[in-house]
Amino acid sequence: MIRLRDEHEKSWDENRYALLRGALDSVEQRALLDWVETLAGWPETPGRWMKYFEGDRRQLCRVENFLPYHDGLRGLLTRTDLCETLERLCSEPAVLFKEKINYKLPGGQGFAPHQDAPAFVSFDQTYHVTLLIGVDPMTPENGCLELVNGHCDGQSLAQAEDGTIRPDVAEGLDWQPLATEPGDVVLFDSYVPHRSGPNRSREPRRALYVTYNGVSQGDRRADYYARKRRVFPPECERDPGAPLPEESRIFNLGNPIR
């Protein structure tokens, strides 16, 4: 069950993130693994789900915008226990803003230090909560999530030109690796600094990341994906050789996506 206990509430109040061990049972974990593997095999299809790659070998890095096409994942991400937990964290009912699966296959690169909030202000929203569900074990070797404790003041840190946290600021933060097992859930807000390293193991490090906002800030999921498809489309929708617009960087913040 994706429900907060006292220790989760304490962690949230102090750090704006919480780790819920074993939130999904073995049946739910197996279903999630099957769904994630299925999505990896979906063909690149213009106008539908969005597949992104990294490196010259075009290694799969991410799949997005899949909820309209997958009943199982849509059911998981709108279930009652999760919605009630998100309502507590958002202080109001929550709506889904965007969804992605990061695959981080062997050799896959990490994600630079960043906060999510600065990239979302262009949608007239100020606060989000992200759900992470691990599909595989997440360890320092394969590039688990790293977070900063105590950053709970709702403030954005100084940014580099690319929108990531300025290197001198990032170096002064106390980064904590958050190792997880399949079925564990992590919840963190949009101001928590986070990053992850490369996958140096021989196995994939797949994880579901889903972002929600309070209902008072509007249902902007359709706007988000319409704009992303326009300025940072998947490769199968790009004009070969044409440069991406400057605006595209807010959709590729700290990512290794090509």
C-alpha atoms as a PDB file:
ATOM      1  CA  MET A   1       0.000   0.000   0.000  1.00  0.00           C
ATOM      2  CA  ILE A   2       1.199   3.487  -0.845  1.00  0.00           C
ATOM      3  CA  ARG A   3       0.363   5.087   2.504  1.00  0.00           C
ATOM      4  CA  LEU A   4       2.350   7.322   4.832  1.00  0.00           C
ATOM      5  CA  ARG A   5       3.305   6.170   8.318  1.00  0.00           C
ATOM      6  CA  ASP A   6       4.708   8.320  11.099  1.00  0.00           C
ATOM      7  CA  GLU A   7       8.313   7.901   9.950  1.00  0.00           C
ATOM      8  CA  HIS A   8       7.369   8.938   6.427  1.00  0.00           C
ATOM      9  CA  GLU A   9       5.567  12.033   7.693  1.00  0.00           C
ATOM     10  CA  LYS A  10       8.646  12.965   9.746  1.00  0.00           C
ATOM     11  CA  SER A  11      10.974  12.539   6.770  1.00  0.00           C
ATOM     12  CA  TRP A  12       8.663  14.616   4.600  1.00  0.00           C
ATOM     13  CA  ASP A  13       8.428  17.428   7.115  1.00  0.00           C
ATOM     14  CA  GLU A  14      12.218  17.530   7.553  1.00  0.00           C
ATOM     15  CA  ASN A  15      13.457  16.794   4.031  1.00  0.00           C
ATOM     16  CA  ARG A  16      10.493  16.919   1.640  1.00  0.00           C
ATOM     17  CA  TYR A  17      11.011  13.325   0.587  1.00  0.00           C
ATOM     18  CA  ALA A  18       9.926   9.961   1.963  1.00  0.00           C
ATOM     19  CA  LEU A  19      10.939   6.369   1.225  1.00  0.00           C
ATOM     20  CA  LEU A  20       8.156   3.770   1.525  1.00  0.00           C
ATOM     21  CA  ARG A  21       9.735   0.320   1.627  1.00  0.00           C
ATOM     22  CA  GLY A  22       7.777  -2.551   0.052  1.00  0.00           C
ATOM     23  CA  ALA A  23       4.834  -0.404  -1.018  1.00  0.00           C
ATOM     24  CA  LEU A  24       4.044  -2.783  -3.890  1.00  0.00           C
ATOM     25  CA  ASP A  25       3.609  -6.486  -3.223  1.00  0.00           C
ATOM     26  CA  SER A  26       5.228  -9.213  -5.350  1.00  0.00           C
ATOM     27  CA  VAL A  27       2.258  -9.510  -7.724  1.00  0.00           C
ATOM     28  CA  GLU A  28       2.231  -5.759  -8.320  1.00  0.00           C
ATOM     29  CA  GLN A  29       5.999  -5.743  -8.811  1.00  0.00           C
ATOM     30  CA  ARG A  30       5.770  -8.486 -11.429  1.00  0.00           C
ATOM     31  CA  ALA A  31       3.014  -6.665 -13.288  1.00  0.00           C
ATOM     32  CA  LEU A  32       5.020  -3.442 -13.291  1.00  0.00           C
ATOM     33  CA  LEU A  33       8.102  -5.235 -14.626  1.00  0.00           C
ATOM     34  CA  ASP A  34       6.043  -6.782 -17.427  1.00  0.00           C
ATOM     35  CA  TRP A  35       4.532  -3.402 -18.341  1.00  0.00           C
ATOM     36  CA  VAL A  36       7.907  -1.663 -18.401  1.00  0.00           C
ATOM     37  CA  GLU A  37       9.378  -4.368 -20.630  1.00  0.00           C
ATOM     38  CA  THR A  38       6.346  -4.158 -22.921  1.00  0.00           C
ATOM     39  CA  LEU A  39       6.736  -0.392 -23.345  1.00  0.00           C
ATOM     40  CA  ALA A  40      10.400  -0.811 -24.231  1.00  0.00           C
ATOM     41  CA  GLY A  41       9.285  -2.920 -27.193  1.00  0.00           C
ATOM     42  CA  TRP A  42       6.678  -0.508 -28.490  1.00  0.00           C
ATOM     43  CA  PRO A  43       7.707   0.895 -31.893  1.00  0.00           C
ATOM     44  CA  GLU A  44       8.544   4.546 -32.349  1.00  0.00           C
ATOM     45  CA  THR A  45       5.233   5.976 -33.495  1.00  0.00           C
ATOM     46  CA  PRO A  46       4.750   9.665 -34.345  1.00  0.00           C
ATOM     47  CA  GLY A  47       1.930  11.360 -32.468  1.00  0.00           C
ATOM     48  CA  ARG A  48       1.608   8.735 -29.734  1.00  0.00           C
ATOM     49  CA  TRP A  49       3.942   7.587 -26.932  1.00  0.00           C
ATOM     50  CA  MET A  50       7.345   9.282 -26.893  1.00  0.00           C
ATOM     51  CA  LYS A  51      10.597   7.290 -26.888  1.00  0.00           C
ATOM     52  CA  TYR A  52      13.929   8.995 -26.232  1.00  0.00           C
ATOM     53  CA  PHE A  53      17.455   7.639 -26.676  1.00  0.00           C
ATOM     54  CA  GLU A  54      21.030   8.389 -25.617  1.00  0.00           C
ATOM     55  CA  GLY A  55      24.431   7.937 -27.239  1.00  0.00           C
ATOM     56  CA  ASP A  56      25.443   7.078 -30.786  1.00  0.00           C
ATOM     57  CA  ARG A  57      24.006   3.572 -30.418  1.00  0.00           C
ATOM     58  CA  ARG A  58      20.577   5.061 -29.656  1.00  0.00           C
ATOM     59  CA  GLN A  59      20.239   3.187 -26.378  1.00  0.00           C
ATOM     60  CA  LEU A  60      16.747   3.551 -24.936  1.00  0.00           C
ATOM     61  CA  CYS A  61      16.743   6.151 -22.184  1.00  0.00           C
ATOM     62  CA  ARG A  62      13.081   6.996 -21.587  1.00  0.00           C
ATOM     63  CA  VAL A  63       9.459   6.425 -22.584  1.00  0.00           C
ATOM     64  CA  GLU A  64       6.870   9.124 -21.898  1.00  0.00           C
ATOM     65  CA  ASN A  65       3.210   9.910 -22.607  1.00  0.00           C
ATOM     66  CA  PHE A  66       2.133   6.284 -22.311  1.00  0.00           C
ATOM     67  CA  LEU A  67      -0.903   6.534 -20.016  1.00  0.00           C
ATOM     68  CA  PRO A  68      -3.472   7.000 -22.805  1.00  0.00           C
ATOM     69  CA  TYR A  69      -2.276   3.712 -24.290  1.00  0.00           C
ATOM     70  CA  HIS A  70      -1.797   1.483 -21.220  1.00  0.00           C
ATOM     71  CA  ASP A  71      -4.675   0.600 -18.894  1.00  0.00           C
ATOM     72  CA  GLY A  72      -2.518  -1.164 -16.297  1.00  0.00           C
ATOM     73  CA  LEU A  73      -0.158   1.745 -15.680  1.00  0.00           C
ATOM     74  CA  ARG A  74      -3.012   4.225 -15.732  1.00  0.00           C
ATOM     75  CA  GLY A  75      -4.778   2.194 -13.063  1.00  0.00           C
ATOM     76  CA  LEU A  76      -1.643   1.978 -10.909  1.00  0.00           C
ATOM     77  CA  LEU A  77      -1.023   5.722 -11.038  1.00  0.00           C
ATOM     78  CA  THR A  78      -4.587   6.730 -10.196  1.00  0.00           C
ATOM     79  CA  ARG A  79      -5.348   4.168  -7.464  1.00  0.00           C
ATOM     80  CA  THR A  80      -7.080   5.296  -4.280  1.00  0.00           C
ATOM     81  CA  ASP A  81      -4.262   4.813  -1.754  1.00  0.00           C
ATOM     82  CA  LEU A  82      -1.839   6.789  -3.929  1.00  0.00           C
ATOM     83  CA  CYS A  83      -4.345   9.586  -4.531  1.00  0.00           C
ATOM     84  CA  GLU A  84      -5.000   9.905  -0.798  1.00  0.00           C
ATOM     85  CA  THR A  85      -1.258  10.066  -0.064  1.00  0.00           C
ATOM     86  CA  LEU A  86      -0.722  12.704  -2.730  1.00  0.00           C
ATOM     87  CA  GLU A  87      -3.601  14.746  -1.341  1.00  0.00           C
ATOM     88  CA  ARG A  88      -1.838  14.833   2.021  1.00  0.00           C
ATOM     89  CA  LEU A  89       1.429  15.981   0.446  1.00  0.00           C
ATOM     90  CA  CYS A  90      -0.151  18.580  -1.856  1.00  0.00           C
ATOM     91  CA  SER A  91      -2.652  19.755   0.798  1.00  0.00           C
ATOM     92  CA  GLU A  92      -5.411  19.266  -1.786  1.00  0.00           C
ATOM     93  CA  PRO A  93      -6.465  16.647  -4.360  1.00  0.00           C
ATOM     94  CA  ALA A  94      -3.738  16.007  -6.928  1.00  0.00           C
ATOM     95  CA  VAL A  95      -3.801  15.606 -10.699  1.00  0.00           C
ATOM     96  CA  LEU A  96      -1.205  13.858 -12.836  1.00  0.00           C
ATOM     97  CA  PHE A  97       1.126  16.278 -14.633  1.00  0.00           C
ATOM     98  CA  LYS A  98       3.520  13.974 -16.529  1.00  0.00           C
ATOM     99  CA  GLU A  99       4.786  10.398 -16.551  1.00  0.00           C
ATOM    100  CA  LYS A 100       7.989   8.710 -17.666  1.00  0.00           C
ATOM    101  CA  ILE A 101       9.999   5.531 -17.349  1.00  0.00           C
ATOM    102  CA  ASN A 102      13.764   6.012 -17.147  1.00  0.00           C
ATOM    103  CA  TYR A 103      15.443   2.853 -18.384  1.00  0.00           C
ATOM    104  CA  LYS A 104      19.128   3.577 -17.619  1.00  0.00           C
ATOM    105  CA  LEU A 105      20.404   0.430 -19.320  1.00  0.00           C
ATOM    106  CA  PRO A 106      23.971  -0.812 -18.724  1.00  0.00           C
ATOM    107  CA  GLY A 107      26.323   1.997 -19.689  1.00  0.00           C
ATOM    108  CA  GLY A 108      23.518   4.535 -19.511  1.00  0.00           C
ATOM    109  CA  GLN A 109      24.562   7.963 -18.327  1.00  0.00           C
ATOM    110  CA  GLY A 110      23.514   9.763 -15.166  1.00  0.00           C
ATOM    111  CA  PHE A 111      21.385  12.850 -14.605  1.00  0.00           C
ATOM    112  CA  ALA A 112      23.046  16.119 -13.572  1.00  0.00           C
ATOM    113  CA  PRO A 113      22.151  17.884 -10.288  1.00  0.00           C
ATOM    114  CA  HIS A 114      18.896  19.799 -10.676  1.00  0.00           C
ATOM    115  CA  GLN A 115      15.569  20.773  -9.171  1.00  0.00           C
ATOM    116  CA  ASP A 116      12.326  20.176 -11.033  1.00  0.00           C
ATOM    117  CA  ALA A 117      10.552  23.381 -10.004  1.00  0.00           C
ATOM    118  CA  PRO A 118      12.422  25.860 -12.269  1.00  0.00           C
ATOM    119  CA  ALA A 119      11.423  23.876 -15.372  1.00  0.00           C
ATOM    120  CA  PHE A 120       7.720  23.886 -14.491  1.00  0.00           C
ATOM    121  CA  VAL A 121       7.104  27.603 -13.892  1.00  0.00           C
ATOM    122  CA  SER A 122       6.438  28.065 -17.610  1.00  0.00           C
ATOM    123  CA  PHE A 123       3.191  26.143 -17.046  1.00  0.00           C
ATOM    124  CA  ASP A 124       2.066  28.625 -14.375  1.00  0.00           C
ATOM    125  CA  GLN A 125       2.572  26.066 -11.633  1.00  0.00           C
ATOM    126  CA  THR A 126       4.730  26.388  -8.538  1.00  0.00           C
ATOM    127  CA  TYR A 127       4.667  23.055  -6.722  1.00  0.00           C
ATOM    128  CA  HIS A 128       4.768  19.379  -7.674  1.00  0.00           C
ATOM    129  CA  VAL A 129       5.272  16.006  -6.027  1.00  0.00           C
ATOM    130  CA  THR A 130       7.046  13.221  -7.885  1.00  0.00           C
ATOM    131  CA  LEU A 131       6.456   9.516  -7.331  1.00  0.00           C
ATOM    132  CA  LEU A 132       9.308   7.101  -8.021  1.00  0.00           C
ATOM    133  CA  ILE A 133       8.661   3.349  -8.144  1.00  0.00           C
ATOM    134  CA  GLY A 134      11.718   1.176  -8.577  1.00  0.00           C
ATOM    135  CA  VAL A 135      11.427  -1.646 -11.099  1.00  0.00           C
ATOM    136  CA  ASP A 136      14.935  -2.978 -10.475  1.00  0.00           C
ATOM    137  CA  PRO A 137      17.240  -2.650  -7.465  1.00  0.00           C
ATOM    138  CA  MET A 138      18.671   0.868  -7.435  1.00  0.00           C
ATOM    139  CA  THR A 139      22.209   1.087  -6.045  1.00  0.00           C
ATOM    140  CA  PRO A 140      25.156   3.500  -6.192  1.00  0.00           C
ATOM    141  CA  GLU A 141      26.742   1.164  -8.756  1.00  0.00           C
ATOM    142  CA  ASN A 142      23.842   1.402 -11.198  1.00  0.00           C
ATOM    143  CA  GLY A 143      23.032   5.061 -10.617  1.00  0.00           C
ATOM    144  CA  CYS A 144      20.413   5.251  -7.877  1.00  0.00           C
ATOM    145  CA  LEU A 145      18.676   8.497  -7.017  1.00  0.00           C
ATOM    146  CA  GLU A 146      20.679  10.884  -4.838  1.00  0.00           C
ATOM    147  CA  LEU A 147      18.905  13.558  -2.768  1.00  0.00           C
ATOM    148  CA  VAL A 148      19.846  16.404  -0.440  1.00  0.00           C
ATOM    149  CA  ASN A 149      18.566  16.337   3.138  1.00  0.00           C
ATOM    150  CA  GLY A 150      17.008  19.359   4.763  1.00  0.00           C
ATOM    151  CA  HIS A 151      16.152  21.348   1.651  1.00  0.00           C
ATOM    152  CA  CYS A 152      12.569  22.066   2.642  1.00  0.00           C
ATOM    153  CA  ASP A 153      12.247  25.834   2.234  1.00  0.00           C
ATOM    154  CA  GLY A 154      10.673  25.781  -1.228  1.00  0.00           C
ATOM    155  CA  GLN A 155      13.489  27.803  -2.798  1.00  0.00           C
ATOM    156  CA  SER A 156      15.304  27.390  -6.104  1.00  0.00           C
ATOM    157  CA  LEU A 157      19.084  27.203  -6.032  1.00  0.00           C
ATOM    158  CA  ALA A 158      21.390  29.142  -8.342  1.00  0.00           C
ATOM    159  CA  GLN A 159      21.347  27.655 -11.833  1.00  0.00           C
ATOM    160  CA  ALA A 160      23.875  27.181 -14.595  1.00  0.00           C
ATOM    161  CA  GLU A 161      22.985  28.302 -18.132  1.00  0.00           C
ATOM    162  CA  ASP A 162      21.519  24.889 -18.937  1.00  0.00           C
ATOM    163  CA  GLY A 163      19.115  25.028 -15.971  1.00  0.00           C
ATOM    164  CA  THR A 164      20.966  22.520 -13.789  1.00  0.00           C
ATOM    165  CA  ILE A 165      22.254  23.503 -10.352  1.00  0.00           C
ATOM    166  CA  ARG A 166      25.362  25.670 -10.661  1.00  0.00           C
ATOM    167  CA  PRO A 167      28.392  23.390 -10.170  1.00  0.00           C
ATOM    168  CA  ASP A 168      29.885  25.323  -7.255  1.00  0.00           C
ATOM    169  CA  VAL A 169      26.534  25.189  -5.457  1.00  0.00           C
ATOM    170  CA  ALA A 170      26.057  21.473  -6.182  1.00  0.00           C
ATOM    171  CA  GLU A 171      29.516  20.684  -4.814  1.00  0.00           C
ATOM    172  CA  GLY A 172      28.584  22.216  -1.477  1.00  0.00           C
ATOM    173  CA  LEU A 173      25.462  20.090  -0.998  1.00  0.00           C
ATOM    174  CA  ASP A 174      25.296  16.930   1.112  1.00  0.00           C
ATOM    175  CA  TRP A 175      24.213  14.329  -1.446  1.00  0.00           C
ATOM    176  CA  GLN A 176      22.699  11.129  -0.038  1.00  0.00           C
ATOM    177  CA  PRO A 177      22.347   7.996  -2.218  1.00  0.00           C
ATOM    178  CA  LEU A 178      18.938   6.403  -1.796  1.00  0.00           C
ATOM    179  CA  ALA A 179      19.254   2.690  -2.520  1.00  0.00           C
ATOM    180  CA  THR A 180      15.924   0.956  -3.139  1.00  0.00           C
ATOM    181  CA  GLU A 181      14.500  -2.472  -3.967  1.00  0.00           C
ATOM    182  CA  PRO A 182      11.812  -3.328  -6.527  1.00  0.00           C
ATOM    183  CA  GLY A 183       8.427  -2.164  -5.262  1.00  0.00           C
ATOM    184  CA  ASP A 184       9.819   0.546  -3.014  1.00  0.00           C
ATOM    185  CA  VAL A 185       8.276   3.984  -3.484  1.00  0.00           C
ATOM    186  CA  VAL A 186       9.963   7.371  -3.117  1.00  0.00           C
ATOM    187  CA  LEU A 187       8.011  10.629  -2.971  1.00  0.00           C
ATOM    188  CA  PHE A 188       9.809  13.974  -3.263  1.00  0.00           C
ATOM    189  CA  ASP A 189       8.800  17.534  -3.981  1.00  0.00           C
ATOM    190  CA  SER A 190       9.908  19.727  -6.856  1.00  0.00           C
ATOM    191  CA  TYR A 191      12.430  21.761  -4.846  1.00  0.00           C
ATOM    192  CA  VAL A 192      14.482  18.809  -3.566  1.00  0.00           C
ATOM    193  CA  PRO A 193      17.887  18.804  -5.331  1.00  0.00           C
ATOM    194  CA  HIS A 194      18.489  15.431  -6.947  1.00  0.00           C
ATOM    195  CA  ARG A 195      20.831  13.676  -9.340  1.00  0.00           C
ATOM    196  CA  SER A 196      21.979  10.175 -10.286  1.00  0.00           C
ATOM    197  CA  GLY A 197      25.149   8.566 -11.565  1.00  0.00           C
ATOM    198  CA  PRO A 198      25.755   6.324 -14.591  1.00  0.00           C
ATOM    199  CA  ASN A 199      24.871   2.659 -14.668  1.00  0.00           C
ATOM    200  CA  ARG A 200      28.173   0.848 -14.240  1.00  0.00           C
ATOM    201  CA  SER A 201      26.532  -2.529 -13.725  1.00  0.00           C
ATOM    202  CA  ARG A 202      25.564  -5.221 -16.232  1.00  0.00           C
ATOM    203  CA  GLU A 203      21.835  -4.968 -15.498  1.00  0.00           C
ATOM    204  CA  PRO A 204      19.234  -2.270 -16.236  1.00  0.00           C
ATOM    205  CA  ARG A 205      18.149   0.250 -13.604  1.00  0.00           C
ATOM    206  CA  ARG A 206      14.567   0.994 -14.609  1.00  0.00           C
ATOM    207  CA  ALA A 207      12.310   3.285 -12.624  1.00  0.00           C
ATOM    208  CA  LEU A 208       8.922   4.891 -13.033  1.00  0.00           C
ATOM    209  CA  TYR A 209       8.813   8.642 -12.326  1.00  0.00           C
ATOM    210  CA  VAL A 210       5.414  10.338 -12.233  1.00  0.00           C
ATOM    211  CA  THR A 211       4.800  13.976 -11.323  1.00  0.00           C
ATOM    212  CA  TYR A 212       1.589  15.390  -9.831  1.00  0.00           C
ATOM    213  CA  ASN A 213       0.351  18.863  -8.918  1.00  0.00           C
ATOM    214  CA  GLY A 214      -2.446  20.168  -6.741  1.00  0.00           C
ATOM    215  CA  VAL A 215      -5.779  20.547  -8.494  1.00  0.00           C
ATOM    216  CA  SER A 216      -5.847  24.293  -7.826  1.00  0.00           C
ATOM    217  CA  GLN A 217      -2.878  24.695 -10.210  1.00  0.00           C
ATOM    218  CA  GLY A 218      -4.797  23.154 -13.072  1.00  0.00           C
ATOM    219  CA  ASP A 219      -4.740  20.011 -15.182  1.00  0.00           C
ATOM    220  CA  ARG A 220      -1.850  20.795 -17.521  1.00  0.00           C
ATOM    221  CA  ARG A 221      -0.815  17.335 -18.676  1.00  0.00           C
ATOM    222  CA  ALA A 222      -2.163  17.799 -22.218  1.00  0.00           C
ATOM    223  CA  ASP A 223      -0.504  21.236 -22.444  1.00  0.00           C
ATOM    224  CA  TYR A 224       2.793  19.793 -21.242  1.00  0.00           C
ATOM    225  CA  TYR A 225       2.936  17.036 -23.837  1.00  0.00           C
ATOM    226  CA  ALA A 226       1.667  19.228 -26.676  1.00  0.00           C
ATOM    227  CA  ARG A 227       4.429  21.732 -25.986  1.00  0.00           C
ATOM    228  CA  LYS A 228       7.088  19.073 -25.480  1.00  0.00           C
ATOM    229  CA  ARG A 229       6.139  17.374 -28.738  1.00  0.00           C
ATOM    230  CA  ARG A 230       6.489  20.733 -30.494  1.00  0.00           C
ATOM    231  CA  VAL A 231       9.870  21.857 -29.089  1.00  0.00           C
ATOM    232  CA  PHE A 232      11.537  18.594 -27.979  1.00  0.00           C
ATOM    233  CA  PRO A 233       9.915  15.832 -30.018  1.00  0.00           C
ATOM    234  CA  PRO A 234      11.083  12.228 -30.067  1.00  0.00           C
ATOM    235  CA  GLU A 235      13.537  11.524 -32.880  1.00  0.00           C
ATOM    236  CA  CYS A 236      10.923   9.892 -35.104  1.00  0.00           C
ATOM    237  CA  GLU A 237       9.144  13.268 -35.279  1.00  0.00           C
ATOM    238  CA  ARG A 238      12.178  15.517 -35.833  1.00  0.00           C
ATOM    239  CA  ASP A 239      13.332  17.180 -39.016  1.00  0.00           C
ATOM    240  CA  PRO A 240      16.774  15.561 -39.532  1.00  0.00           C
ATOM    241  CA  GLY A 241      19.530  18.117 -39.212  1.00  0.00           C
ATOM    242  CA  ALA A 242      17.282  20.887 -37.910  1.00  0.00           C
ATOM    243  CA  PRO A 243      18.418  22.348 -34.567  1.00  0.00           C
ATOM    244  CA  LEU A 244      16.110  22.164 -31.583  1.00  0.00           C
ATOM    245  CA  PRO A 245      14.814  25.514 -30.302  1.00  0.00           C
ATOM    246  CA  GLU A 246      16.293  27.097 -27.175  1.00  0.00           C
ATOM    247  CA  GLU A 247      13.025  26.391 -25.377  1.00  0.00           C
ATOM    248  CA  SER A 248      13.708  22.660 -25.626  1.00  0.00           C
ATOM    249  CA  ARG A 249      16.174  22.766 -22.736  1.00  0.00           C
ATOM    250  CA  ILE A 250      13.408  22.899 -20.109  1.00  0.00           C
ATOM    251  CA  PHE A 251      12.309  19.468 -21.356  1.00  0.00           C
ATOM    252  CA  ASN A 252      15.820  17.992 -21.233  1.00  0.00           C
ATOM    253  CA  LEU A 253      17.034  19.344 -17.917  1.00  0.00           C
ATOM    254  CA  GLY A 254      20.109  17.431 -16.734  1.00  0.00           C
ATOM    255  CA  ASN A 255      19.299  14.473 -18.966  1.00  0.00           C
ATOM    256  CA  PRO A 256      21.590  12.448 -21.265  1.00  0.00           C
ATOM    257  CA  ILE A 257      18.908  12.313 -23.984  1.00  0.00           C
ATOM    258  CA  ARG A 258      20.211  13.099 -27.469  1.00  0.00           C
END
